[in-house]
Amino acid sequence: MIRIQLHLTERQDRLLRELARRAGSTRADLIRQGIDRLLGEQDGAADPLLELIGAAGRSGRSDSSERHDEIIYELPSPRASGSRAAEGRRRGR
């Protein structure tokens, strides 16, 4: 590693120390992580949230890409007339 010197405002230093303490890390490590993020954005790297796709494993459903909102938020399916979702609406659930 290359050693550098940098200047922080008192506020930046205070907040960075607090964050490092809570994260069980060092200020230097947090600064390196921040630089990596910045450089990744500059390189046009993919959104880190995209890495979550598929992280939970297979859903066992063949229609999850088409009905993801219904599945995630447990919305009644437009195809669910007469289904459990429709029954729940009739019972006030």
C-alpha atoms as a PDB file:
ATOM      1  CA  MET A   1       0.000   0.000   0.000  1.00  0.00           C
ATOM      2  CA  ILE A   2       1.008   3.568  -0.562  1.00  0.00           C
ATOM      3  CA  ARG A   3       0.891   5.958   2.356  1.00  0.00           C
ATOM      4  CA  ILE A   4      -0.750   9.344   1.771  1.00  0.00           C
ATOM      5  CA  GLN A   5      -1.619  12.323   3.891  1.00  0.00           C
ATOM      6  CA  LEU A   6      -4.945  14.057   3.623  1.00  0.00           C
ATOM      7  CA  HIS A   7      -6.790  16.887   5.296  1.00  0.00           C
ATOM      8  CA  LEU A   8     -10.278  16.446   6.732  1.00  0.00           C
ATOM      9  CA  THR A   9     -12.580  18.954   8.297  1.00  0.00           C
ATOM     10  CA  GLU A  10     -13.202  18.480  12.013  1.00  0.00           C
ATOM     11  CA  ARG A  11     -16.744  17.355  11.210  1.00  0.00           C
ATOM     12  CA  GLN A  12     -15.533  14.779   8.652  1.00  0.00           C
ATOM     13  CA  ASP A  13     -13.010  13.402  11.117  1.00  0.00           C
ATOM     14  CA  ARG A  14     -15.574  13.197  13.944  1.00  0.00           C
ATOM     15  CA  LEU A  15     -18.163  11.444  11.777  1.00  0.00           C
ATOM     16  CA  LEU A  16     -15.584   9.110  10.263  1.00  0.00           C
ATOM     17  CA  ARG A  17     -14.307   8.109  13.724  1.00  0.00           C
ATOM     18  CA  GLU A  18     -17.877   7.408  14.881  1.00  0.00           C
ATOM     19  CA  LEU A  19     -18.636   5.351  11.779  1.00  0.00           C
ATOM     20  CA  ALA A  20     -15.413   3.366  12.118  1.00  0.00           C
ATOM     21  CA  ARG A  21     -16.187   2.628  15.771  1.00  0.00           C
ATOM     22  CA  ARG A  22     -19.731   1.452  14.971  1.00  0.00           C
ATOM     23  CA  ALA A  23     -18.524  -0.636  12.024  1.00  0.00           C
ATOM     24  CA  GLY A  24     -15.614  -2.127  13.948  1.00  0.00           C
ATOM     25  CA  SER A  25     -13.289  -0.800  11.277  1.00  0.00           C
ATOM     26  CA  THR A  26     -10.612   1.842  10.856  1.00  0.00           C
ATOM     27  CA  ARG A  27     -10.834   5.279   9.348  1.00  0.00           C
ATOM     28  CA  ALA A  28      -8.264   4.242   6.745  1.00  0.00           C
ATOM     29  CA  ASP A  29     -10.353   1.241   5.690  1.00  0.00           C
ATOM     30  CA  LEU A  30     -13.492   3.370   5.385  1.00  0.00           C
ATOM     31  CA  ILE A  31     -11.621   5.918   3.299  1.00  0.00           C
ATOM     32  CA  ARG A  32     -10.336   3.133   1.003  1.00  0.00           C
ATOM     33  CA  GLN A  33     -13.895   1.792   0.648  1.00  0.00           C
ATOM     34  CA  GLY A  34     -15.135   5.275  -0.244  1.00  0.00           C
ATOM     35  CA  ILE A  35     -12.411   5.669  -2.859  1.00  0.00           C
ATOM     36  CA  ASP A  36     -13.260   2.251  -4.322  1.00  0.00           C
ATOM     37  CA  ARG A  37     -16.905   3.278  -4.618  1.00  0.00           C
ATOM     38  CA  LEU A  38     -16.006   6.568  -6.242  1.00  0.00           C
ATOM     39  CA  LEU A  39     -13.673   4.891  -8.720  1.00  0.00           C
ATOM     40  CA  GLY A  40     -16.276   2.238  -9.485  1.00  0.00           C
ATOM     41  CA  GLU A  41     -18.812   4.952 -10.313  1.00  0.00           C
ATOM     42  CA  GLN A  42     -16.267   6.669 -12.541  1.00  0.00           C
ATOM     43  CA  ASP A  43     -15.603   3.410 -14.405  1.00  0.00           C
ATOM     44  CA  GLY A  44     -19.313   3.053 -15.115  1.00  0.00           C
ATOM     45  CA  ALA A  45     -19.486  -0.024 -12.922  1.00  0.00           C
ATOM     46  CA  ALA A  46     -22.864  -1.630 -12.470  1.00  0.00           C
ATOM     47  CA  ASP A  47     -25.163  -0.560  -9.654  1.00  0.00           C
ATOM     48  CA  PRO A  48     -24.156  -2.594  -6.562  1.00  0.00           C
ATOM     49  CA  LEU A  49     -27.832  -3.345  -5.916  1.00  0.00           C
ATOM     50  CA  LEU A  50     -27.867  -5.376  -9.124  1.00  0.00           C
ATOM     51  CA  GLU A  51     -25.611  -7.864  -7.337  1.00  0.00           C
ATOM     52  CA  LEU A  52     -28.605  -8.738  -5.143  1.00  0.00           C
ATOM     53  CA  ILE A  53     -30.503 -10.220  -8.079  1.00  0.00           C
ATOM     54  CA  GLY A  54     -30.740 -13.931  -7.491  1.00  0.00           C
ATOM     55  CA  ALA A  55     -28.971 -13.728  -4.134  1.00  0.00           C
ATOM     56  CA  ALA A  56     -31.939 -15.319  -2.362  1.00  0.00           C
ATOM     57  CA  GLY A  57     -31.837 -18.339  -4.628  1.00  0.00           C
ATOM     58  CA  ARG A  58     -34.520 -19.772  -6.841  1.00  0.00           C
ATOM     59  CA  SER A  59     -38.107 -18.913  -6.000  1.00  0.00           C
ATOM     60  CA  GLY A  60     -39.592 -22.091  -7.381  1.00  0.00           C
ATOM     61  CA  ARG A  61     -41.887 -19.995  -9.557  1.00  0.00           C
ATOM     62  CA  SER A  62     -41.753 -19.638 -13.308  1.00  0.00           C
ATOM     63  CA  ASP A  63     -43.546 -16.269 -13.369  1.00  0.00           C
ATOM     64  CA  SER A  64     -41.562 -14.294 -10.765  1.00  0.00           C
ATOM     65  CA  SER A  65     -39.969 -11.946 -13.303  1.00  0.00           C
ATOM     66  CA  GLU A  66     -43.404 -10.989 -14.622  1.00  0.00           C
ATOM     67  CA  ARG A  67     -45.221 -10.835 -11.271  1.00  0.00           C
ATOM     68  CA  HIS A  68     -42.459  -9.603  -8.957  1.00  0.00           C
ATOM     69  CA  ASP A  69     -44.518  -6.781  -7.408  1.00  0.00           C
ATOM     70  CA  GLU A  70     -47.401  -9.100  -6.604  1.00  0.00           C
ATOM     71  CA  ILE A  71     -45.036 -11.644  -5.096  1.00  0.00           C
ATOM     72  CA  ILE A  72     -42.839  -9.242  -3.111  1.00  0.00           C
ATOM     73  CA  TYR A  73     -45.611  -7.016  -1.826  1.00  0.00           C
ATOM     74  CA  GLU A  74     -48.230  -9.783  -1.647  1.00  0.00           C
ATOM     75  CA  LEU A  75     -50.565  -7.846  -3.901  1.00  0.00           C
ATOM     76  CA  PRO A  76     -53.650  -9.580  -5.193  1.00  0.00           C
ATOM     77  CA  SER A  77     -53.044 -10.955  -8.641  1.00  0.00           C
ATOM     78  CA  PRO A  78     -55.172  -9.536 -11.463  1.00  0.00           C
ATOM     79  CA  ARG A  79     -55.638 -13.190 -12.411  1.00  0.00           C
ATOM     80  CA  ALA A  80     -56.814 -14.047  -8.893  1.00  0.00           C
ATOM     81  CA  SER A  81     -60.584 -13.745  -9.237  1.00  0.00           C
ATOM     82  CA  GLY A  82     -61.922 -16.506  -7.042  1.00  0.00           C
ATOM     83  CA  SER A  83     -58.486 -17.089  -5.531  1.00  0.00           C
ATOM     84  CA  ARG A  84     -57.307 -16.835  -1.923  1.00  0.00           C
ATOM     85  CA  ALA A  85     -56.466 -13.157  -2.544  1.00  0.00           C
ATOM     86  CA  ALA A  86     -60.016 -12.444  -3.629  1.00  0.00           C
ATOM     87  CA  GLU A  87     -61.351 -14.418  -0.642  1.00  0.00           C
ATOM     88  CA  GLY A  88     -59.141 -12.358   1.700  1.00  0.00           C
ATOM     89  CA  ARG A  89     -60.525  -9.137   0.265  1.00  0.00           C
ATOM     90  CA  ARG A  90     -64.082 -10.343   0.868  1.00  0.00           C
ATOM     91  CA  ARG A  91     -63.209 -11.116   4.508  1.00  0.00           C
ATOM     92  CA  GLY A  92     -61.626  -7.699   4.980  1.00  0.00           C
ATOM     93  CA  ARG A  93     -57.961  -8.801   5.107  1.00  0.00           C
END
